[in-house]
Structures are given as structure tokens and as C-alpha cells.
């Protein structure tokens, strides 16, 4: 580990190479380079001779925060906006509200899929599958997937508005 190389302005600081910070944070060095390109996390120093990027140990916390924002669903462009300090309070509120709306849509879709799965499972258990051939079971399942309460409602709605 070449942390003892003197970097002007950082003589008394233990710096991490890009690979060391990446390992510590559980990400790839390529991810750190992308964060640098997006002006999200920049190395505190770059060795002019070798091109090595050096990060301060404090930047690990920045990487963790960035990862949490990504886990919530923020894109790198959104994260760059948030961390730039250039967004007004109103702009931040709008961005958070949009993210909240997107996450709620994901929840609603997942709940609808769970309901559909429950409906299909009920249909499977309502029929004597043991007396069916493999092909009959497959067709029965295909019908259940295609014709369930939600699909029937959508179909009726489409027919009414034709």
C-alpha cells in the first residue's frame, strides 16, 4: 500500500488509493471513476506522475451516502444535483416528491402482482389438477393467468369504451 507517498498538500494525511476505497465501500474502482466524471465524489489528490487517484478516509462516508441514495432509487444525475448544493429548497422538495411518487407506484404494482398471484393460486387449488395431463394443467394455468378478476375488469372497461 503506497499511502506513504507524499502528495502536496496532504503530507500528514493517510490517503486511500481508488482500489482501497472501492474495496472498503464494496464497489468497483470503475464506479468511483464514474462518480468523479459526474462531479459527485472527486479524489482529494491525483499523483501527476502516476495518475493515481487518492481519497481521504472521510470520503468513505460520502460513498456510503451516495449508495443509500442510489438504493432509494435516485439516479446519479439526481444525486449530483442533490449534492451540488445548487438546488433550492423547492427544487429538492419536488425531487423528493417525484421519488416518493415513483416508489409508491412500485409498491402498488407489486401489491397488484401479489393479488394476481393469489387469484391464480386459488384457481389452481380449486381444480383437481391430479386428474389432468401435463398439457391440461398448463392450459388451465394459462387460462387462470389470462382470466382473473383484474383482467376481467380491464377487459370489460375496454369493451365498454369501444
N, C-alpha and C. Protein backbone atom coordinates (compact mmCIF):
# COMPACT_ATOMS: atom_id res chain seq x y z
N UNK A 1 0.86 -1.17 0.00
CA UNK A 1 0.00 0.00 0.00
C UNK A 1 0.90 1.23 0.00
N UNK A 2 0.73 2.10 -0.98
CA UNK A 2 1.60 3.24 -1.18
C UNK A 2 0.99 4.50 -0.59
N UNK A 3 0.55 4.43 0.67
CA UNK A 3 -0.04 5.59 1.31
C UNK A 3 1.03 6.55 1.82
N UNK A 4 2.29 6.14 1.80
CA UNK A 4 3.34 6.98 2.35
C UNK A 4 3.91 7.93 1.31
N UNK A 5 3.53 7.81 0.08
CA UNK A 5 3.97 8.74 -0.95
C UNK A 5 3.42 10.12 -0.62
N UNK A 6 4.30 11.11 -0.68
CA UNK A 6 3.88 12.46 -0.31
C UNK A 6 3.15 13.11 -1.47
N UNK A 7 1.95 13.54 -1.18
CA UNK A 7 1.14 14.27 -2.14
C UNK A 7 1.10 15.71 -1.64
N UNK A 8 1.50 16.67 -2.45
CA UNK A 8 1.49 18.07 -2.00
C UNK A 8 0.15 18.46 -1.40
N UNK A 9 0.21 19.05 -0.22
CA UNK A 9 -1.00 19.49 0.47
C UNK A 9 -1.62 18.43 1.35
N UNK A 10 -1.09 17.19 1.28
CA UNK A 10 -1.67 16.08 2.05
C UNK A 10 -0.58 15.26 2.73
N UNK A 11 0.51 15.92 3.14
CA UNK A 11 1.66 15.23 3.70
C UNK A 11 1.35 14.45 4.97
N UNK A 12 0.48 14.96 5.81
CA UNK A 12 0.21 14.32 7.10
C UNK A 12 -1.09 13.52 7.10
N UNK A 13 -1.63 13.26 5.95
CA UNK A 13 -2.92 12.59 5.85
C UNK A 13 -2.74 11.21 5.24
N UNK A 14 -3.34 10.20 5.83
CA UNK A 14 -3.32 8.85 5.27
C UNK A 14 -4.38 8.80 4.17
N UNK A 15 -3.92 8.67 2.95
CA UNK A 15 -4.85 8.66 1.82
C UNK A 15 -5.04 7.24 1.31
N UNK A 16 -6.19 7.03 0.71
CA UNK A 16 -6.53 5.73 0.14
C UNK A 16 -6.46 5.82 -1.38
N UNK A 17 -5.87 4.79 -1.98
CA UNK A 17 -5.91 4.70 -3.44
C UNK A 17 -7.34 4.35 -3.84
N UNK A 18 -7.65 4.54 -5.11
CA UNK A 18 -9.00 4.29 -5.60
C UNK A 18 -9.44 2.86 -5.31
N UNK A 19 -8.55 1.89 -5.50
CA UNK A 19 -8.90 0.49 -5.25
C UNK A 19 -9.16 0.20 -3.78
N UNK A 20 -8.43 0.88 -2.92
CA UNK A 20 -8.61 0.69 -1.48
C UNK A 20 -9.95 1.23 -1.02
N UNK A 21 -10.31 2.43 -1.50
CA UNK A 21 -11.62 2.98 -1.15
C UNK A 21 -12.73 2.12 -1.73
N UNK A 22 -12.54 1.68 -2.97
CA UNK A 22 -13.55 0.83 -3.61
C UNK A 22 -13.76 -0.46 -2.81
N UNK A 23 -12.66 -1.10 -2.41
CA UNK A 23 -12.77 -2.33 -1.61
C UNK A 23 -13.48 -2.07 -0.30
N UNK A 24 -13.10 -0.98 0.36
CA UNK A 24 -13.70 -0.62 1.64
C UNK A 24 -15.21 -0.41 1.51
N UNK A 25 -15.61 0.23 0.41
CA UNK A 25 -17.02 0.55 0.19
C UNK A 25 -17.80 -0.57 -0.49
N UNK A 26 -17.10 -1.59 -0.97
CA UNK A 26 -17.79 -2.70 -1.64
C UNK A 26 -18.27 -2.34 -3.04
N UNK A 27 -17.54 -1.47 -3.71
CA UNK A 27 -17.88 -1.09 -5.09
C UNK A 27 -16.64 -1.26 -5.96
N UNK A 28 -16.77 -1.02 -7.23
CA UNK A 28 -15.64 -1.15 -8.13
C UNK A 28 -14.92 0.20 -8.29
N UNK A 29 -13.64 0.15 -8.62
CA UNK A 29 -12.93 1.40 -8.93
C UNK A 29 -13.60 2.14 -10.10
N UNK A 30 -14.16 1.37 -11.03
CA UNK A 30 -14.85 1.99 -12.16
C UNK A 30 -16.02 2.85 -11.67
N UNK A 31 -16.73 2.39 -10.65
CA UNK A 31 -17.84 3.17 -10.09
C UNK A 31 -17.31 4.50 -9.55
N UNK A 32 -16.18 4.46 -8.85
CA UNK A 32 -15.60 5.70 -8.32
C UNK A 32 -15.20 6.64 -9.45
N UNK A 33 -14.70 6.08 -10.55
CA UNK A 33 -14.33 6.93 -11.69
C UNK A 33 -15.59 7.58 -12.29
N UNK A 34 -16.67 6.82 -12.32
CA UNK A 34 -17.94 7.37 -12.84
C UNK A 34 -18.42 8.48 -11.91
N UNK A 35 -18.34 8.26 -10.60
CA UNK A 35 -18.75 9.30 -9.64
C UNK A 35 -17.91 10.56 -9.84
N UNK A 36 -16.64 10.37 -10.16
CA UNK A 36 -15.76 11.51 -10.41
C UNK A 36 -16.20 12.24 -11.69
N UNK A 37 -16.48 11.49 -12.74
CA UNK A 37 -16.93 12.10 -14.00
C UNK A 37 -18.22 12.89 -13.81
N UNK A 38 -19.08 12.40 -12.93
CA UNK A 38 -20.36 13.06 -12.68
C UNK A 38 -20.24 14.19 -11.65
N UNK A 39 -19.01 14.46 -11.20
CA UNK A 39 -18.76 15.50 -10.20
C UNK A 39 -19.46 15.24 -8.88
N UNK A 40 -19.55 13.97 -8.51
CA UNK A 40 -20.21 13.61 -7.26
C UNK A 40 -19.17 13.42 -6.16
N UNK A 41 -18.16 12.60 -6.43
CA UNK A 41 -17.07 12.38 -5.47
C UNK A 41 -15.77 12.48 -6.24
N UNK A 42 -14.98 13.45 -5.88
CA UNK A 42 -13.69 13.67 -6.54
C UNK A 42 -12.56 13.25 -5.61
N UNK A 43 -11.47 12.72 -6.18
CA UNK A 43 -10.33 12.41 -5.32
C UNK A 43 -9.77 13.70 -4.73
N UNK A 44 -9.19 13.61 -3.53
CA UNK A 44 -8.60 14.80 -2.91
C UNK A 44 -7.27 15.13 -3.58
N UNK A 45 -6.66 14.12 -4.24
CA UNK A 45 -5.40 14.36 -4.92
C UNK A 45 -5.23 13.35 -6.06
N UNK A 46 -4.53 13.79 -7.09
CA UNK A 46 -4.16 12.90 -8.18
C UNK A 46 -2.66 13.06 -8.38
N UNK A 47 -1.93 11.95 -8.30
CA UNK A 47 -0.48 11.99 -8.47
C UNK A 47 -0.19 12.32 -9.93
N UNK A 48 0.54 13.41 -10.16
CA UNK A 48 0.83 13.85 -11.52
C UNK A 48 1.70 12.85 -12.27
N UNK A 49 2.57 12.15 -11.57
CA UNK A 49 3.47 11.19 -12.20
C UNK A 49 2.75 9.92 -12.62
N UNK A 50 1.96 9.37 -11.70
CA UNK A 50 1.35 8.06 -11.94
C UNK A 50 -0.11 8.13 -12.38
N UNK A 51 -0.78 9.24 -12.09
CA UNK A 51 -2.21 9.35 -12.38
C UNK A 51 -3.08 8.69 -11.32
N UNK A 52 -2.43 8.15 -10.27
CA UNK A 52 -3.19 7.51 -9.20
C UNK A 52 -4.10 8.53 -8.53
N UNK A 53 -5.31 8.07 -8.24
CA UNK A 53 -6.26 8.91 -7.52
C UNK A 53 -6.19 8.55 -6.04
N UNK A 54 -6.22 9.56 -5.20
CA UNK A 54 -6.17 9.36 -3.75
C UNK A 54 -7.40 10.00 -3.11
N UNK A 55 -7.94 9.28 -2.15
CA UNK A 55 -9.14 9.72 -1.45
C UNK A 55 -8.85 9.80 0.03
N UNK A 56 -9.53 10.71 0.71
CA UNK A 56 -9.39 10.78 2.17
C UNK A 56 -10.32 9.74 2.79
N UNK A 57 -9.97 9.24 3.97
CA UNK A 57 -10.85 8.28 4.63
C UNK A 57 -12.27 8.82 4.85
N UNK A 58 -12.40 10.15 5.00
CA UNK A 58 -13.72 10.75 5.19
C UNK A 58 -14.63 10.53 3.97
N UNK A 59 -14.02 10.34 2.82
CA UNK A 59 -14.83 10.18 1.62
C UNK A 59 -15.57 8.84 1.59
N UNK A 60 -15.17 7.93 2.44
CA UNK A 60 -15.90 6.66 2.57
C UNK A 60 -17.36 6.95 2.96
N UNK A 61 -17.56 7.88 3.87
CA UNK A 61 -18.91 8.24 4.30
C UNK A 61 -19.70 8.84 3.13
N UNK A 62 -19.03 9.61 2.28
CA UNK A 62 -19.70 10.17 1.10
C UNK A 62 -20.16 9.04 0.17
N UNK A 63 -19.30 8.04 -0.01
CA UNK A 63 -19.65 6.90 -0.86
C UNK A 63 -20.84 6.16 -0.26
N UNK A 64 -20.83 5.96 1.05
CA UNK A 64 -21.96 5.29 1.71
C UNK A 64 -23.26 6.06 1.50
N UNK A 65 -23.20 7.39 1.65
CA UNK A 65 -24.39 8.22 1.44
C UNK A 65 -24.88 8.11 0.01
N UNK A 66 -23.95 8.14 -0.92
CA UNK A 66 -24.30 8.02 -2.33
C UNK A 66 -24.99 6.68 -2.60
N UNK A 67 -24.45 5.61 -2.02
CA UNK A 67 -25.04 4.29 -2.20
C UNK A 67 -26.45 4.22 -1.62
N UNK A 68 -26.66 4.86 -0.48
CA UNK A 68 -28.01 4.88 0.11
C UNK A 68 -28.99 5.61 -0.79
N UNK A 69 -28.54 6.73 -1.35
CA UNK A 69 -29.41 7.47 -2.27
C UNK A 69 -29.72 6.64 -3.51
N UNK A 70 -28.73 5.89 -4.00
CA UNK A 70 -28.98 5.00 -5.13
C UNK A 70 -29.96 3.89 -4.75
N UNK A 71 -29.80 3.34 -3.54
CA UNK A 71 -30.71 2.28 -3.08
C UNK A 71 -32.15 2.78 -3.01
N UNK A 72 -32.32 4.05 -2.67
CA UNK A 72 -33.66 4.64 -2.61
C UNK A 72 -34.23 4.80 -4.02
N UNK A 73 -33.35 4.87 -5.00
CA UNK A 73 -33.82 4.98 -6.38
C UNK A 73 -33.39 6.24 -7.09
N UNK A 74 -32.54 7.04 -6.48
CA UNK A 74 -32.06 8.25 -7.14
C UNK A 74 -31.03 7.88 -8.20
N UNK A 75 -31.10 8.54 -9.35
CA UNK A 75 -30.11 8.35 -10.40
C UNK A 75 -28.86 9.14 -10.05
N UNK A 76 -27.76 8.85 -10.74
CA UNK A 76 -26.54 9.61 -10.49
C UNK A 76 -26.72 11.09 -10.82
N UNK A 77 -27.48 11.39 -11.84
CA UNK A 77 -27.73 12.80 -12.18
C UNK A 77 -28.51 13.49 -11.05
N UNK A 78 -29.50 12.80 -10.49
CA UNK A 78 -30.26 13.37 -9.37
C UNK A 78 -29.36 13.54 -8.15
N UNK A 79 -28.51 12.56 -7.90
CA UNK A 79 -27.60 12.64 -6.75
C UNK A 79 -26.64 13.81 -6.94
N UNK A 80 -26.14 13.98 -8.15
CA UNK A 80 -25.24 15.10 -8.43
C UNK A 80 -25.94 16.42 -8.14
N UNK A 81 -27.20 16.52 -8.53
CA UNK A 81 -27.98 17.74 -8.26
C UNK A 81 -28.14 17.95 -6.75
N UNK A 82 -28.49 16.88 -6.05
CA UNK A 82 -28.70 16.98 -4.60
C UNK A 82 -27.43 17.41 -3.87
N UNK A 83 -26.30 16.82 -4.27
CA UNK A 83 -25.06 17.07 -3.55
C UNK A 83 -24.32 18.32 -4.03
N UNK A 84 -24.79 18.91 -5.11
CA UNK A 84 -24.11 20.10 -5.65
C UNK A 84 -24.33 21.33 -4.78
N UNK A 85 -25.43 21.31 -4.01
CA UNK A 85 -25.76 22.48 -3.20
C UNK A 85 -26.43 23.58 -4.01
N UNK A 86 -26.75 23.29 -5.26
CA UNK A 86 -27.33 24.31 -6.15
C UNK A 86 -28.85 24.24 -6.22
N UNK A 87 -29.45 23.21 -5.65
CA UNK A 87 -30.91 23.08 -5.70
C UNK A 87 -31.54 23.95 -4.61
N UNK A 88 -32.60 24.62 -4.99
CA UNK A 88 -33.36 25.38 -4.00
C UNK A 88 -34.13 24.39 -3.12
N UNK A 89 -34.62 24.89 -2.02
CA UNK A 89 -35.43 24.05 -1.13
C UNK A 89 -36.65 23.52 -1.89
N UNK A 90 -37.25 24.35 -2.71
CA UNK A 90 -38.42 23.94 -3.51
C UNK A 90 -38.05 22.85 -4.51
N UNK A 91 -36.91 23.01 -5.18
CA UNK A 91 -36.45 22.01 -6.14
C UNK A 91 -36.21 20.67 -5.45
N UNK A 92 -35.63 20.72 -4.25
CA UNK A 92 -35.39 19.49 -3.50
C UNK A 92 -36.72 18.84 -3.11
N UNK A 93 -37.67 19.65 -2.68
CA UNK A 93 -38.97 19.13 -2.30
C UNK A 93 -39.64 18.43 -3.48
N UNK A 94 -39.56 19.05 -4.66
CA UNK A 94 -40.14 18.47 -5.88
C UNK A 94 -39.45 17.15 -6.22
N UNK A 95 -38.13 17.14 -6.14
CA UNK A 95 -37.37 15.92 -6.44
C UNK A 95 -37.75 14.79 -5.48
N UNK A 96 -37.85 15.11 -4.18
CA UNK A 96 -38.24 14.09 -3.20
C UNK A 96 -39.67 13.61 -3.43
N UNK A 97 -40.57 14.52 -3.79
CA UNK A 97 -41.96 14.14 -4.05
C UNK A 97 -42.05 13.23 -5.28
N UNK A 98 -41.28 13.54 -6.32
CA UNK A 98 -41.27 12.69 -7.51
C UNK A 98 -40.75 11.29 -7.16
N UNK A 99 -39.71 11.23 -6.34
CA UNK A 99 -39.15 9.94 -5.95
C UNK A 99 -40.17 9.17 -5.11
N UNK A 100 -40.84 9.86 -4.21
CA UNK A 100 -41.88 9.24 -3.37
C UNK A 100 -43.00 8.67 -4.25
N UNK A 101 -43.42 9.44 -5.26
CA UNK A 101 -44.48 9.00 -6.17
C UNK A 101 -44.03 7.75 -6.94
N UNK A 102 -42.78 7.76 -7.41
CA UNK A 102 -42.25 6.61 -8.14
C UNK A 102 -42.21 5.37 -7.25
N UNK A 103 -41.75 5.53 -6.02
CA UNK A 103 -41.69 4.39 -5.10
C UNK A 103 -43.08 3.86 -4.77
N UNK A 104 -44.06 4.76 -4.61
CA UNK A 104 -45.44 4.32 -4.36
C UNK A 104 -45.98 3.54 -5.55
N UNK A 105 -45.65 3.95 -6.76
CA UNK A 105 -46.09 3.21 -7.94
C UNK A 105 -45.52 1.80 -7.93
N UNK A 106 -44.26 1.67 -7.55
CA UNK A 106 -43.63 0.35 -7.46
C UNK A 106 -44.37 -0.50 -6.44
N UNK A 107 -44.72 0.10 -5.30
CA UNK A 107 -45.45 -0.63 -4.25
C UNK A 107 -46.81 -1.08 -4.78
N UNK A 108 -47.54 -0.17 -5.44
CA UNK A 108 -48.87 -0.50 -5.95
C UNK A 108 -48.80 -1.62 -6.98
N UNK A 109 -47.81 -1.56 -7.86
CA UNK A 109 -47.67 -2.61 -8.88
C UNK A 109 -47.35 -3.95 -8.21
N UNK A 110 -46.47 -3.93 -7.22
CA UNK A 110 -46.12 -5.17 -6.52
C UNK A 110 -47.34 -5.74 -5.79
N UNK A 111 -48.14 -4.87 -5.16
CA UNK A 111 -49.34 -5.34 -4.47
C UNK A 111 -50.33 -5.95 -5.47
N UNK A 112 -50.47 -5.34 -6.64
CA UNK A 112 -51.37 -5.87 -7.67
C UNK A 112 -50.86 -7.23 -8.15
N UNK A 113 -49.56 -7.37 -8.29
CA UNK A 113 -48.99 -8.65 -8.72
C UNK A 113 -49.21 -9.72 -7.66
N UNK A 114 -49.10 -9.36 -6.40
CA UNK A 114 -49.34 -10.32 -5.32
C UNK A 114 -50.80 -10.76 -5.33
N UNK A 115 -51.72 -9.81 -5.53
CA UNK A 115 -53.15 -10.16 -5.61
C UNK A 115 -53.40 -11.07 -6.80
N UNK A 116 -52.76 -10.78 -7.91
CA UNK A 116 -52.95 -11.62 -9.09
C UNK A 116 -52.40 -13.02 -8.83
N UNK A 117 -51.26 -13.11 -8.18
CA UNK A 117 -50.68 -14.40 -7.83
C UNK A 117 -51.61 -15.18 -6.90
N UNK A 118 -52.20 -14.49 -5.91
CA UNK A 118 -53.15 -15.14 -5.01
C UNK A 118 -54.35 -15.67 -5.77
N UNK A 119 -54.86 -14.88 -6.71
CA UNK A 119 -56.01 -15.29 -7.51
C UNK A 119 -55.68 -16.53 -8.33
N UNK A 120 -54.51 -16.52 -8.95
CA UNK A 120 -54.09 -17.67 -9.76
C UNK A 120 -53.94 -18.90 -8.87
N UNK A 121 -53.33 -18.72 -7.71
CA UNK A 121 -53.13 -19.85 -6.79
C UNK A 121 -54.47 -20.42 -6.34
N UNK A 122 -55.45 -19.55 -6.04
CA UNK A 122 -56.78 -20.02 -5.66
C UNK A 122 -57.41 -20.83 -6.78
N UNK A 123 -57.24 -20.39 -8.00
CA UNK A 123 -57.78 -21.11 -9.16
C UNK A 123 -57.12 -22.45 -9.37
N UNK A 124 -55.84 -22.51 -9.08
CA UNK A 124 -55.11 -23.77 -9.21
C UNK A 124 -55.63 -24.76 -8.19
N UNK A 125 -55.84 -24.31 -6.95
CA UNK A 125 -56.31 -25.21 -5.89
C UNK A 125 -57.78 -25.57 -6.04
N UNK A 126 -58.54 -24.78 -6.78
CA UNK A 126 -59.97 -25.05 -6.94
C UNK A 126 -60.23 -26.18 -7.93
N UNK A 127 -59.26 -26.57 -8.68
CA UNK A 127 -59.43 -27.60 -9.72
C UNK A 127 -58.63 -28.84 -9.31
N UNK A 128 -59.16 -29.99 -9.70
CA UNK A 128 -58.44 -31.23 -9.44
C UNK A 128 -57.34 -31.39 -10.48
N UNK A 129 -56.14 -30.96 -10.13
CA UNK A 129 -55.03 -30.99 -11.08
C UNK A 129 -54.45 -32.39 -11.26
N UNK A 130 -54.64 -33.24 -10.25
CA UNK A 130 -54.04 -34.57 -10.34
C UNK A 130 -54.64 -35.40 -11.46
N UNK A 131 -55.90 -35.17 -11.77
CA UNK A 131 -56.55 -35.94 -12.82
C UNK A 131 -56.27 -35.39 -14.21
N UNK A 132 -55.50 -34.34 -14.31
CA UNK A 132 -55.21 -33.71 -15.59
C UNK A 132 -53.87 -34.18 -16.15
N UNK A 133 -53.80 -34.12 -17.46
CA UNK A 133 -52.50 -34.36 -18.10
C UNK A 133 -51.65 -33.11 -17.92
N UNK A 134 -50.37 -33.23 -18.22
CA UNK A 134 -49.47 -32.07 -18.12
C UNK A 134 -49.97 -30.94 -19.01
N UNK A 135 -50.42 -31.28 -20.19
CA UNK A 135 -50.90 -30.26 -21.13
C UNK A 135 -52.17 -29.59 -20.61
N UNK A 136 -53.09 -30.37 -20.04
CA UNK A 136 -54.32 -29.79 -19.48
C UNK A 136 -54.00 -28.86 -18.31
N UNK A 137 -53.07 -29.27 -17.46
CA UNK A 137 -52.66 -28.41 -16.34
C UNK A 137 -52.07 -27.09 -16.87
N UNK A 138 -51.23 -27.19 -17.88
CA UNK A 138 -50.60 -26.00 -18.46
C UNK A 138 -51.67 -25.06 -19.02
N UNK A 139 -52.67 -25.62 -19.73
CA UNK A 139 -53.74 -24.80 -20.30
C UNK A 139 -54.59 -24.18 -19.20
N UNK A 140 -54.86 -24.95 -18.16
CA UNK A 140 -55.64 -24.43 -17.03
C UNK A 140 -54.91 -23.24 -16.40
N UNK A 141 -53.62 -23.39 -16.16
CA UNK A 141 -52.84 -22.30 -15.58
C UNK A 141 -52.83 -21.09 -16.51
N UNK A 142 -52.67 -21.34 -17.81
CA UNK A 142 -52.66 -20.23 -18.79
C UNK A 142 -53.98 -19.47 -18.74
N UNK A 143 -55.10 -20.19 -18.62
CA UNK A 143 -56.41 -19.54 -18.53
C UNK A 143 -56.52 -18.71 -17.26
N UNK A 144 -56.03 -19.27 -16.15
CA UNK A 144 -56.09 -18.54 -14.87
C UNK A 144 -55.27 -17.25 -14.94
N UNK A 145 -54.14 -17.31 -15.56
CA UNK A 145 -53.28 -16.13 -15.68
C UNK A 145 -53.97 -15.09 -16.54
N UNK A 146 -54.62 -15.55 -17.60
CA UNK A 146 -55.26 -14.64 -18.53
C UNK A 146 -56.59 -14.12 -18.03
N UNK A 147 -57.36 -14.96 -17.35
CA UNK A 147 -58.70 -14.57 -16.91
C UNK A 147 -58.73 -14.57 -15.39
N UNK A 148 -58.44 -13.45 -14.82
CA UNK A 148 -58.62 -13.29 -13.39
C UNK A 148 -59.41 -12.01 -13.19
N UNK A 149 -59.74 -11.72 -11.98
CA UNK A 149 -60.64 -10.60 -11.68
C UNK A 149 -60.14 -9.28 -12.26
N UNK A 150 -58.85 -8.98 -12.08
CA UNK A 150 -58.30 -7.71 -12.58
C UNK A 150 -58.38 -7.66 -14.11
N UNK A 151 -57.99 -8.75 -14.77
CA UNK A 151 -58.01 -8.77 -16.22
C UNK A 151 -59.44 -8.66 -16.75
N UNK A 152 -60.38 -9.31 -16.07
CA UNK A 152 -61.78 -9.23 -16.49
C UNK A 152 -62.27 -7.79 -16.37
N UNK A 153 -61.95 -7.12 -15.26
CA UNK A 153 -62.35 -5.71 -15.10
C UNK A 153 -61.77 -4.84 -16.21
N UNK A 154 -60.50 -5.05 -16.51
CA UNK A 154 -59.85 -4.26 -17.56
C UNK A 154 -60.49 -4.56 -18.90
N UNK A 155 -60.75 -5.82 -19.18
CA UNK A 155 -61.38 -6.21 -20.43
C UNK A 155 -62.76 -5.59 -20.57
N UNK A 156 -63.58 -5.66 -19.50
CA UNK A 156 -64.90 -5.05 -19.53
C UNK A 156 -64.82 -3.52 -19.73
N UNK A 157 -63.88 -2.91 -19.06
CA UNK A 157 -63.69 -1.47 -19.21
C UNK A 157 -63.32 -1.12 -20.64
N UNK A 158 -62.44 -1.92 -21.24
CA UNK A 158 -62.03 -1.67 -22.63
C UNK A 158 -63.22 -1.83 -23.57
N UNK A 159 -64.04 -2.88 -23.33
CA UNK A 159 -65.19 -3.15 -24.20
C UNK A 159 -66.23 -2.04 -24.08
N UNK A 160 -66.47 -1.57 -22.86
CA UNK A 160 -67.46 -0.52 -22.64
C UNK A 160 -67.07 0.75 -23.37
N UNK A 161 -65.78 1.07 -23.41
CA UNK A 161 -65.33 2.33 -24.00
C UNK A 161 -65.04 2.20 -25.49
N UNK A 162 -65.29 1.06 -26.11
CA UNK A 162 -65.07 0.91 -27.56
C UNK A 162 -66.06 1.71 -28.36
